[in-house]
Structures are given as C-alpha cells and as structure tokens.
Amino acid sequence: MGTMSKAQQQEVYLAQVRWRCRRGLRELDVLLMGYFDQYFTKSSAEQQAAFLALLDMQDPAILSYLTGNVKPENPAIVDIIQQLTRSRV
C-alpha cells in the first residue's frame, strides 16, 4: 500500500477533527459540528488552533464559556465562543 496523497491526508485530518466535535451532550454536538462544517476549513490557522484547543477541553468548561459564566483567557477562543453563541440564536 502506498503513501497517502496530501488531499487524502487532509481528508483524514478533517474527519478526525469532525469526530472530535462529537461530545456527550447533544447541544454541544450540534454547536461544535455546526461550527466545524460552516467555518473550520475557511478559518485562519490561529482560529483553527483555538477551535482545536476548545475541543481539548471538558464539556463543563465549554458550557461555562457558552453560558457566559466564565470568559476564556485566550482571545482566539473568545472569538470562537462568540461565533458559536451567534450561530445558536
């Protein structure tokens, strides 16, 4: 079996990120997967890194950000949270 092309590697990478959007809470699934589908590939490298950092967090932390109970320290994550909260209106 040969080496994967760049396009195939990108496809695998995006599938892995999309899978990471799946959470224990349906509401988070919808928001995170919606952001991924609508914005991720069009985002800057910094925004993509912030989204991946958000995916590394536990669900309660993400929910605290979404409800406004806690403000993220990272301004790039603040931007992602703002996009997520705008998209659920």
PDB file of N, CA and C in Angstrom:
ATOM      1  N   MET A   1       0.840  -1.172   0.000  1.00  0.00           N
ATOM      2  CA  MET A   1       0.000   0.000   0.000  1.00  0.00           C
ATOM      3  C   MET A   1       0.890   1.243   0.000  1.00  0.00           C
ATOM      4  N   GLY A   2       0.525   2.224  -0.808  1.00  0.00           N
ATOM      5  CA  GLY A   2       1.335   3.424  -0.959  1.00  0.00           C
ATOM      6  C   GLY A   2       1.040   4.476   0.091  1.00  0.00           C
ATOM      7  N   THR A   3       1.750   5.547  -0.045  1.00  0.00           N
ATOM      8  CA  THR A   3       1.580   6.687   0.835  1.00  0.00           C
ATOM      9  C   THR A   3       0.356   7.482   0.403  1.00  0.00           C
ATOM     10  N   MET A   4      -0.316   8.078   1.378  1.00  0.00           N
ATOM     11  CA  MET A   4      -1.498   8.876   1.060  1.00  0.00           C
ATOM     12  C   MET A   4      -1.077  10.196   0.418  1.00  0.00           C
ATOM     13  N   SER A   5      -1.899  10.664  -0.491  1.00  0.00           N
ATOM     14  CA  SER A   5      -1.663  11.973  -1.100  1.00  0.00           C
ATOM     15  C   SER A   5      -1.998  13.057  -0.073  1.00  0.00           C
ATOM     16  N   LYS A   6      -1.582  14.284  -0.376  1.00  0.00           N
ATOM     17  CA  LYS A   6      -1.902  15.403   0.519  1.00  0.00           C
ATOM     18  C   LYS A   6      -3.406  15.570   0.673  1.00  0.00           C
ATOM     19  N   ALA A   7      -4.133  15.394  -0.402  1.00  0.00           N
ATOM     20  CA  ALA A   7      -5.592  15.519  -0.353  1.00  0.00           C
ATOM     21  C   ALA A   7      -6.196  14.450   0.555  1.00  0.00           C
ATOM     22  N   GLN A   8      -5.677  13.232   0.464  1.00  0.00           N
ATOM     23  CA  GLN A   8      -6.171  12.152   1.324  1.00  0.00           C
ATOM     24  C   GLN A   8      -5.814  12.421   2.787  1.00  0.00           C
ATOM     25  N   GLN A   9      -4.599  12.918   3.023  1.00  0.00           N
ATOM     26  CA  GLN A   9      -4.186  13.249   4.390  1.00  0.00           C
ATOM     27  C   GLN A   9      -5.080  14.333   4.969  1.00  0.00           C
ATOM     28  N   GLN A  10      -5.399  15.349   4.156  1.00  0.00           N
ATOM     29  CA  GLN A  10      -6.279  16.430   4.595  1.00  0.00           C
ATOM     30  C   GLN A  10      -7.668  15.891   4.901  1.00  0.00           C
ATOM     31  N   GLU A  11      -8.154  14.998   4.070  1.00  0.00           N
ATOM     32  CA  GLU A  11      -9.471  14.392   4.277  1.00  0.00           C
ATOM     33  C   GLU A  11      -9.516  13.617   5.599  1.00  0.00           C
ATOM     34  N   VAL A  12      -8.480  12.843   5.871  1.00  0.00           N
ATOM     35  CA  VAL A  12      -8.392  12.077   7.122  1.00  0.00           C
ATOM     36  C   VAL A  12      -8.328  13.028   8.310  1.00  0.00           C
ATOM     37  N   TYR A  13      -7.501  14.069   8.200  1.00  0.00           N
ATOM     38  CA  TYR A  13      -7.373  15.058   9.279  1.00  0.00           C
ATOM     39  C   TYR A  13      -8.723  15.707   9.581  1.00  0.00           C
ATOM     40  N   LEU A  14      -9.436  16.147   8.548  1.00  0.00           N
ATOM     41  CA  LEU A  14     -10.731  16.797   8.757  1.00  0.00           C
ATOM     42  C   LEU A  14     -11.746  15.828   9.357  1.00  0.00           C
ATOM     43  N   ALA A  15     -11.713  14.585   8.958  1.00  0.00           N
ATOM     44  CA  ALA A  15     -12.614  13.578   9.538  1.00  0.00           C
ATOM     45  C   ALA A  15     -12.308  13.386  11.022  1.00  0.00           C
ATOM     46  N   GLN A  16     -11.021  13.410  11.378  1.00  0.00           N
ATOM     47  CA  GLN A  16     -10.633  13.261  12.787  1.00  0.00           C
ATOM     48  C   GLN A  16     -11.112  14.457  13.614  1.00  0.00           C
ATOM     49  N   VAL A  17     -10.943  15.664  13.066  1.00  0.00           N
ATOM     50  CA  VAL A  17     -11.402  16.862  13.785  1.00  0.00           C
ATOM     51  C   VAL A  17     -12.914  16.822  13.928  1.00  0.00           C
ATOM     52  N   ARG A  18     -13.613  16.468  12.868  1.00  0.00           N
ATOM     53  CA  ARG A  18     -15.081  16.394  12.936  1.00  0.00           C
ATOM     54  C   ARG A  18     -15.520  15.384  13.994  1.00  0.00           C
ATOM     55  N   TRP A  19     -14.832  14.259  14.077  1.00  0.00           N
ATOM     56  CA  TRP A  19     -15.160  13.255  15.086  1.00  0.00           C
ATOM     57  C   TRP A  19     -14.968  13.819  16.491  1.00  0.00           C
ATOM     58  N   ARG A  20     -13.929  14.643  16.678  1.00  0.00           N
ATOM     59  CA  ARG A  20     -13.674  15.248  17.992  1.00  0.00           C
ATOM     60  C   ARG A  20     -14.778  16.214  18.400  1.00  0.00           C
ATOM     61  N   CYS A  21     -15.570  16.683  17.447  1.00  0.00           N
ATOM     62  CA  CYS A  21     -16.692  17.585  17.749  1.00  0.00           C
ATOM     63  C   CYS A  21     -17.833  16.842  18.438  1.00  0.00           C
ATOM     64  N   ARG A  22     -17.832  15.544  18.331  1.00  0.00           N
ATOM     65  CA  ARG A  22     -18.885  14.746  18.971  1.00  0.00           C
ATOM     66  C   ARG A  22     -18.628  14.703  20.468  1.00  0.00           C
ATOM     67  N   ARG A  23     -19.622  15.109  21.229  1.00  0.00           N
ATOM     68  CA  ARG A  23     -19.473  15.220  22.676  1.00  0.00           C
ATOM     69  C   ARG A  23     -20.522  14.365  23.375  1.00  0.00           C
ATOM     70  N   GLY A  24     -20.533  14.447  24.698  1.00  0.00           N
ATOM     71  CA  GLY A  24     -21.520  13.726  25.483  1.00  0.00           C
ATOM     72  C   GLY A  24     -22.872  14.410  25.506  1.00  0.00           C
ATOM     73  N   LEU A  25     -22.887  15.688  25.134  1.00  0.00           N
ATOM     74  CA  LEU A  25     -24.126  16.451  25.154  1.00  0.00           C
ATOM     75  C   LEU A  25     -24.555  16.789  23.728  1.00  0.00           C
ATOM     76  N   ARG A  26     -25.778  16.482  23.410  1.00  0.00           N
ATOM     77  CA  ARG A  26     -26.289  16.720  22.055  1.00  0.00           C
ATOM     78  C   ARG A  26     -26.163  18.185  21.653  1.00  0.00           C
ATOM     79  N   GLU A  27     -26.423  19.096  22.593  1.00  0.00           N
ATOM     80  CA  GLU A  27     -26.347  20.526  22.291  1.00  0.00           C
ATOM     81  C   GLU A  27     -24.939  20.914  21.852  1.00  0.00           C
ATOM     82  N   LEU A  28     -23.936  20.369  22.534  1.00  0.00           N
ATOM     83  CA  LEU A  28     -22.558  20.653  22.139  1.00  0.00           C
ATOM     84  C   LEU A  28     -22.239  20.029  20.792  1.00  0.00           C
ATOM     85  N   ASP A  29     -22.733  18.816  20.557  1.00  0.00           N
ATOM     86  CA  ASP A  29     -22.541  18.179  19.242  1.00  0.00           C
ATOM     87  C   ASP A  29     -23.020  19.115  18.129  1.00  0.00           C
ATOM     88  N   VAL A  30     -24.220  19.620  18.293  1.00  0.00           N
ATOM     89  CA  VAL A  30     -24.834  20.458  17.262  1.00  0.00           C
ATOM     90  C   VAL A  30     -24.012  21.729  17.052  1.00  0.00           C
ATOM     91  N   LEU A  31     -23.651  22.404  18.137  1.00  0.00           N
ATOM     92  CA  LEU A  31     -22.899  23.657  18.017  1.00  0.00           C
ATOM     93  C   LEU A  31     -21.509  23.438  17.430  1.00  0.00           C
ATOM     94  N   LEU A  32     -20.782  22.471  17.984  1.00  0.00           N
ATOM     95  CA  LEU A  32     -19.404  22.257  17.548  1.00  0.00           C
ATOM     96  C   LEU A  32     -19.337  21.720  16.119  1.00  0.00           C
ATOM     97  N   MET A  33     -20.207  20.779  15.797  1.00  0.00           N
ATOM     98  CA  MET A  33     -20.208  20.240  14.438  1.00  0.00           C
ATOM     99  C   MET A  33     -20.693  21.300  13.445  1.00  0.00           C
ATOM    100  N   GLY A  34     -21.628  22.118  13.871  1.00  0.00           N
ATOM    101  CA  GLY A  34     -22.086  23.210  13.015  1.00  0.00           C
ATOM    102  C   GLY A  34     -20.968  24.194  12.717  1.00  0.00           C
ATOM    103  N   TYR A  35     -20.206  24.550  13.750  1.00  0.00           N
ATOM    104  CA  TYR A  35     -19.064  25.442  13.549  1.00  0.00           C
ATOM    105  C   TYR A  35     -18.059  24.780  12.607  1.00  0.00           C
ATOM    106  N   PHE A  36     -17.754  23.528  12.873  1.00  0.00           N
ATOM    107  CA  PHE A  36     -16.792  22.812  12.039  1.00  0.00           C
ATOM    108  C   PHE A  36     -17.236  22.823  10.580  1.00  0.00           C
ATOM    109  N   ASP A  37     -18.480  22.445  10.345  1.00  0.00           N
ATOM    110  CA  ASP A  37     -18.986  22.348   8.972  1.00  0.00           C
ATOM    111  C   ASP A  37     -19.021  23.704   8.269  1.00  0.00           C
ATOM    112  N   GLN A  38     -19.350  24.753   9.015  1.00  0.00           N
ATOM    113  CA  GLN A  38     -19.540  26.060   8.389  1.00  0.00           C
ATOM    114  C   GLN A  38     -18.259  26.892   8.318  1.00  0.00           C
ATOM    115  N   TYR A  39     -17.394  26.796   9.328  1.00  0.00           N
ATOM    116  CA  TYR A  39     -16.285  27.748   9.420  1.00  0.00           C
ATOM    117  C   TYR A  39     -14.879  27.149   9.401  1.00  0.00           C
ATOM    118  N   PHE A  40     -14.706  25.933   9.882  1.00  0.00           N
ATOM    119  CA  PHE A  40     -13.363  25.433  10.178  1.00  0.00           C
ATOM    120  C   PHE A  40     -12.405  25.533   8.998  1.00  0.00           C
ATOM    121  N   THR A  41     -12.774  25.021   7.848  1.00  0.00           N
ATOM    122  CA  THR A  41     -11.831  25.000   6.729  1.00  0.00           C
ATOM    123  C   THR A  41     -11.558  26.395   6.167  1.00  0.00           C
ATOM    124  N   LYS A  42     -12.452  27.348   6.430  1.00  0.00           N
ATOM    125  CA  LYS A  42     -12.266  28.727   5.958  1.00  0.00           C
ATOM    126  C   LYS A  42     -11.538  29.594   6.979  1.00  0.00           C
ATOM    127  N   SER A  43     -11.299  29.051   8.172  1.00  0.00           N
ATOM    128  CA  SER A  43     -10.696  29.817   9.257  1.00  0.00           C
ATOM    129  C   SER A  43      -9.189  29.928   9.097  1.00  0.00           C
ATOM    130  N   SER A  44      -8.640  30.938   9.771  1.00  0.00           N
ATOM    131  CA  SER A  44      -7.192  31.105   9.789  1.00  0.00           C
ATOM    132  C   SER A  44      -6.565  29.989  10.622  1.00  0.00           C
ATOM    133  N   ALA A  45      -5.274  29.831  10.498  1.00  0.00           N
ATOM    134  CA  ALA A  45      -4.560  28.816  11.288  1.00  0.00           C
ATOM    135  C   ALA A  45      -4.736  29.078  12.780  1.00  0.00           C
ATOM    136  N   GLU A  46      -4.738  30.349  13.177  1.00  0.00           N
ATOM    137  CA  GLU A  46      -4.928  30.702  14.594  1.00  0.00           C
ATOM    138  C   GLU A  46      -6.324  30.304  15.074  1.00  0.00           C
ATOM    139  N   GLN A  47      -7.330  30.572  14.251  1.00  0.00           N
ATOM    140  CA  GLN A  47      -8.700  30.200  14.616  1.00  0.00           C
ATOM    141  C   GLN A  47      -8.857  28.683  14.677  1.00  0.00           C
ATOM    142  N   GLN A  48      -8.243  27.981  13.742  1.00  0.00           N
ATOM    143  CA  GLN A  48      -8.301  26.520  13.765  1.00  0.00           C
ATOM    144  C   GLN A  48      -7.635  25.987  15.024  1.00  0.00           C
ATOM    145  N   ALA A  49      -6.489  26.556  15.391  1.00  0.00           N
ATOM    146  CA  ALA A  49      -5.791  26.123  16.604  1.00  0.00           C
ATOM    147  C   ALA A  49      -6.645  26.392  17.842  1.00  0.00           C
ATOM    148  N   ALA A  50      -7.333  27.534  17.867  1.00  0.00           N
ATOM    149  CA  ALA A  50      -8.205  27.864  19.005  1.00  0.00           C
ATOM    150  C   ALA A  50      -9.370  26.885  19.082  1.00  0.00           C
ATOM    151  N   PHE A  51      -9.943  26.536  17.950  1.00  0.00           N
ATOM    152  CA  PHE A  51     -11.041  25.570  17.939  1.00  0.00           C
ATOM    153  C   PHE A  51     -10.562  24.206  18.427  1.00  0.00           C
ATOM    154  N   LEU A  52      -9.384  23.790  17.986  1.00  0.00           N
ATOM    155  CA  LEU A  52      -8.826  22.515  18.446  1.00  0.00           C
ATOM    156  C   LEU A  52      -8.548  22.556  19.948  1.00  0.00           C
ATOM    157  N   ALA A  53      -8.081  23.704  20.442  1.00  0.00           N
ATOM    158  CA  ALA A  53      -7.857  23.851  21.886  1.00  0.00           C
ATOM    159  C   ALA A  53      -9.182  23.748  22.638  1.00  0.00           C
ATOM    160  N   LEU A  54     -10.230  24.324  22.070  1.00  0.00           N
ATOM    161  CA  LEU A  54     -11.555  24.224  22.673  1.00  0.00           C
ATOM    162  C   LEU A  54     -12.011  22.763  22.716  1.00  0.00           C
ATOM    163  N   LEU A  55     -11.749  22.021  21.645  1.00  0.00           N
ATOM    164  CA  LEU A  55     -12.134  20.611  21.610  1.00  0.00           C
ATOM    165  C   LEU A  55     -11.378  19.776  22.640  1.00  0.00           C
ATOM    166  N   ASP A  56     -10.205  20.245  23.060  1.00  0.00           N
ATOM    167  CA  ASP A  56      -9.430  19.540  24.080  1.00  0.00           C
ATOM    168  C   ASP A  56     -10.015  19.716  25.483  1.00  0.00           C
ATOM    169  N   MET A  57     -10.906  20.681  25.640  1.00  0.00           N
ATOM    170  CA  MET A  57     -11.476  20.987  26.953  1.00  0.00           C
ATOM    171  C   MET A  57     -12.610  20.038  27.296  1.00  0.00           C
ATOM    172  N   GLN A  58     -12.882  19.947  28.578  1.00  0.00           N
ATOM    173  CA  GLN A  58     -14.001  19.144  29.069  1.00  0.00           C
ATOM    174  C   GLN A  58     -15.316  19.869  28.783  1.00  0.00           C
ATOM    175  N   ASP A  59     -16.377  19.101  28.612  1.00  0.00           N
ATOM    176  CA  ASP A  59     -17.683  19.675  28.306  1.00  0.00           C
ATOM    177  C   ASP A  59     -18.133  20.746  29.304  1.00  0.00           C
ATOM    178  N   PRO A  60     -17.979  20.552  30.624  1.00  0.00           N
ATOM    179  CA  PRO A  60     -18.426  21.599  31.560  1.00  0.00           C
ATOM    180  C   PRO A  60     -17.708  22.935  31.339  1.00  0.00           C
ATOM    181  N   ALA A  61     -16.435  22.904  30.970  1.00  0.00           N
ATOM    182  CA  ALA A  61     -15.702  24.146  30.709  1.00  0.00           C
ATOM    183  C   ALA A  61     -16.266  24.837  29.471  1.00  0.00           C
ATOM    184  N   ILE A  62     -16.531  24.062  28.435  1.00  0.00           N
ATOM    185  CA  ILE A  62     -17.099  24.637  27.211  1.00  0.00           C
ATOM    186  C   ILE A  62     -18.472  25.236  27.508  1.00  0.00           C
ATOM    187  N   LEU A  63     -19.278  24.527  28.263  1.00  0.00           N
ATOM    188  CA  LEU A  63     -20.605  25.044  28.626  1.00  0.00           C
ATOM    189  C   LEU A  63     -20.505  26.327  29.431  1.00  0.00           C
ATOM    190  N   SER A  64     -19.530  26.412  30.330  1.00  0.00           N
ATOM    191  CA  SER A  64     -19.323  27.644  31.108  1.00  0.00           C
ATOM    192  C   SER A  64     -18.997  28.820  30.201  1.00  0.00           C
ATOM    193  N   TYR A  65     -18.206  28.566  29.183  1.00  0.00           N
ATOM    194  CA  TYR A  65     -17.897  29.614  28.208  1.00  0.00           C
ATOM    195  C   TYR A  65     -19.141  30.008  27.420  1.00  0.00           C
ATOM    196  N   LEU A  66     -19.900  29.024  26.970  1.00  0.00           N
ATOM    197  CA  LEU A  66     -21.083  29.291  26.153  1.00  0.00           C
ATOM    198  C   LEU A  66     -22.168  30.039  26.918  1.00  0.00           C
ATOM    199  N   THR A  67     -22.292  29.752  28.213  1.00  0.00           N
ATOM    200  CA  THR A  67     -23.317  30.423  29.023  1.00  0.00           C
ATOM    201  C   THR A  67     -22.839  31.778  29.537  1.00  0.00           C
ATOM    202  N   GLY A  68     -21.561  32.081  29.358  1.00  0.00           N
ATOM    203  CA  GLY A  68     -21.023  33.357  29.816  1.00  0.00           C
ATOM    204  C   GLY A  68     -20.624  33.364  31.269  1.00  0.00           C
ATOM    205  N   ASN A  69     -20.691  32.208  31.933  1.00  0.00           N
ATOM    206  CA  ASN A  69     -20.291  32.139  33.339  1.00  0.00           C
ATOM    207  C   ASN A  69     -18.792  32.331  33.515  1.00  0.00           C
ATOM    208  N   VAL A  70     -18.022  31.938  32.500  1.00  0.00           N
ATOM    209  CA  VAL A  70     -16.567  32.067  32.527  1.00  0.00           C
ATOM    210  C   VAL A  70     -16.141  32.614  31.174  1.00  0.00           C
ATOM    211  N   LYS A  71     -15.168  33.519  31.193  1.00  0.00           N
ATOM    212  CA  LYS A  71     -14.633  34.054  29.938  1.00  0.00           C
ATOM    213  C   LYS A  71     -13.274  33.416  29.680  1.00  0.00           C
ATOM    214  N   PRO A  72     -13.069  32.861  28.485  1.00  0.00           N
ATOM    215  CA  PRO A  72     -11.772  32.264  28.168  1.00  0.00           C
ATOM    216  C   PRO A  72     -10.656  33.315  28.225  1.00  0.00           C
ATOM    217  N   GLU A  73      -9.482  32.902  28.633  1.00  0.00           N
ATOM    218  CA  GLU A  73      -8.336  33.807  28.669  1.00  0.00           C
ATOM    219  C   GLU A  73      -7.772  34.044  27.280  1.00  0.00           C
ATOM    220  N   ASN A  74      -7.870  33.052  26.415  1.00  0.00           N
ATOM    221  CA  ASN A  74      -7.334  33.140  25.064  1.00  0.00           C
ATOM    222  C   ASN A  74      -8.306  33.926  24.182  1.00  0.00           C
ATOM    223  N   PRO A  75      -7.876  35.082  23.640  1.00  0.00           N
ATOM    224  CA  PRO A  75      -8.781  35.879  22.798  1.00  0.00           C
ATOM    225  C   PRO A  75      -9.288  35.124  21.567  1.00  0.00           C
ATOM    226  N   ALA A  76      -8.501  34.231  21.033  1.00  0.00           N
ATOM    227  CA  ALA A  76      -8.936  33.455  19.866  1.00  0.00           C
ATOM    228  C   ALA A  76     -10.082  32.525  20.248  1.00  0.00           C
ATOM    229  N   ILE A  77     -10.036  31.960  21.449  1.00  0.00           N
ATOM    230  CA  ILE A  77     -11.140  31.106  21.916  1.00  0.00           C
ATOM    231  C   ILE A  77     -12.375  31.955  22.185  1.00  0.00           C
ATOM    232  N   VAL A  78     -12.179  33.185  22.678  1.00  0.00           N
ATOM    233  CA  VAL A  78     -13.302  34.109  22.870  1.00  0.00           C
ATOM    234  C   VAL A  78     -14.022  34.305  21.535  1.00  0.00           C
ATOM    235  N   ASP A  79     -13.256  34.489  20.461  1.00  0.00           N
ATOM    236  CA  ASP A  79     -13.852  34.667  19.129  1.00  0.00           C
ATOM    237  C   ASP A  79     -14.652  33.435  18.711  1.00  0.00           C
ATOM    238  N   ILE A  80     -14.105  32.255  18.967  1.00  0.00           N
ATOM    239  CA  ILE A  80     -14.806  31.015  18.611  1.00  0.00           C
ATOM    240  C   ILE A  80     -16.113  30.919  19.398  1.00  0.00           C
ATOM    241  N   ILE A  81     -16.053  31.193  20.687  1.00  0.00           N
ATOM    242  CA  ILE A  81     -17.254  31.147  21.539  1.00  0.00           C
ATOM    243  C   ILE A  81     -18.296  32.134  21.034  1.00  0.00           C
ATOM    244  N   GLN A  82     -17.855  33.327  20.646  1.00  0.00           N
ATOM    245  CA  GLN A  82     -18.807  34.320  20.114  1.00  0.00           C
ATOM    246  C   GLN A  82     -19.466  33.811  18.843  1.00  0.00           C
ATOM    247  N   GLN A  83     -18.707  33.179  17.971  1.00  0.00           N
ATOM    248  CA  GLN A  83     -19.295  32.604  16.758  1.00  0.00           C
ATOM    249  C   GLN A  83     -20.279  31.490  17.105  1.00  0.00           C
ATOM    250  N   LEU A  84     -19.923  30.663  18.066  1.00  0.00           N
ATOM    251  CA  LEU A  84     -20.815  29.565  18.473  1.00  0.00           C
ATOM    252  C   LEU A  84     -22.113  30.114  19.049  1.00  0.00           C
ATOM    253  N   THR A  85     -22.044  31.133  19.877  1.00  0.00           N
ATOM    254  CA  THR A  85     -23.250  31.667  20.509  1.00  0.00           C
ATOM    255  C   THR A  85     -24.109  32.420  19.500  1.00  0.00           C
ATOM    256  N   ARG A  86     -23.493  33.048  18.527  1.00  0.00           N
ATOM    257  CA  ARG A  86     -24.268  33.724  17.466  1.00  0.00           C
ATOM    258  C   ARG A  86     -24.986  32.705  16.600  1.00  0.00           C
ATOM    259  N   SER A  87     -24.355  31.570  16.369  1.00  0.00           N
ATOM    260  CA  SER A  87     -24.949  30.586  15.465  1.00  0.00           C
ATOM    261  C   SER A  87     -26.115  29.842  16.092  1.00  0.00           C
ATOM    262  N   ARG A  88     -26.258  29.886  17.410  1.00  0.00           N
ATOM    263  CA  ARG A  88     -27.356  29.135  18.024  1.00  0.00           C
ATOM    264  C   ARG A  88     -28.599  29.963  18.240  1.00  0.00           C
ATOM    265  N   VAL A  89     -28.541  31.263  17.885  1.00  0.00           N
ATOM    266  CA  VAL A  89     -29.713  32.138  18.039  1.00  0.00           C
ATOM    267  C   VAL A  89     -30.749  31.803  17.000  1.00  0.00           C
TER     268      VAL A  89
END
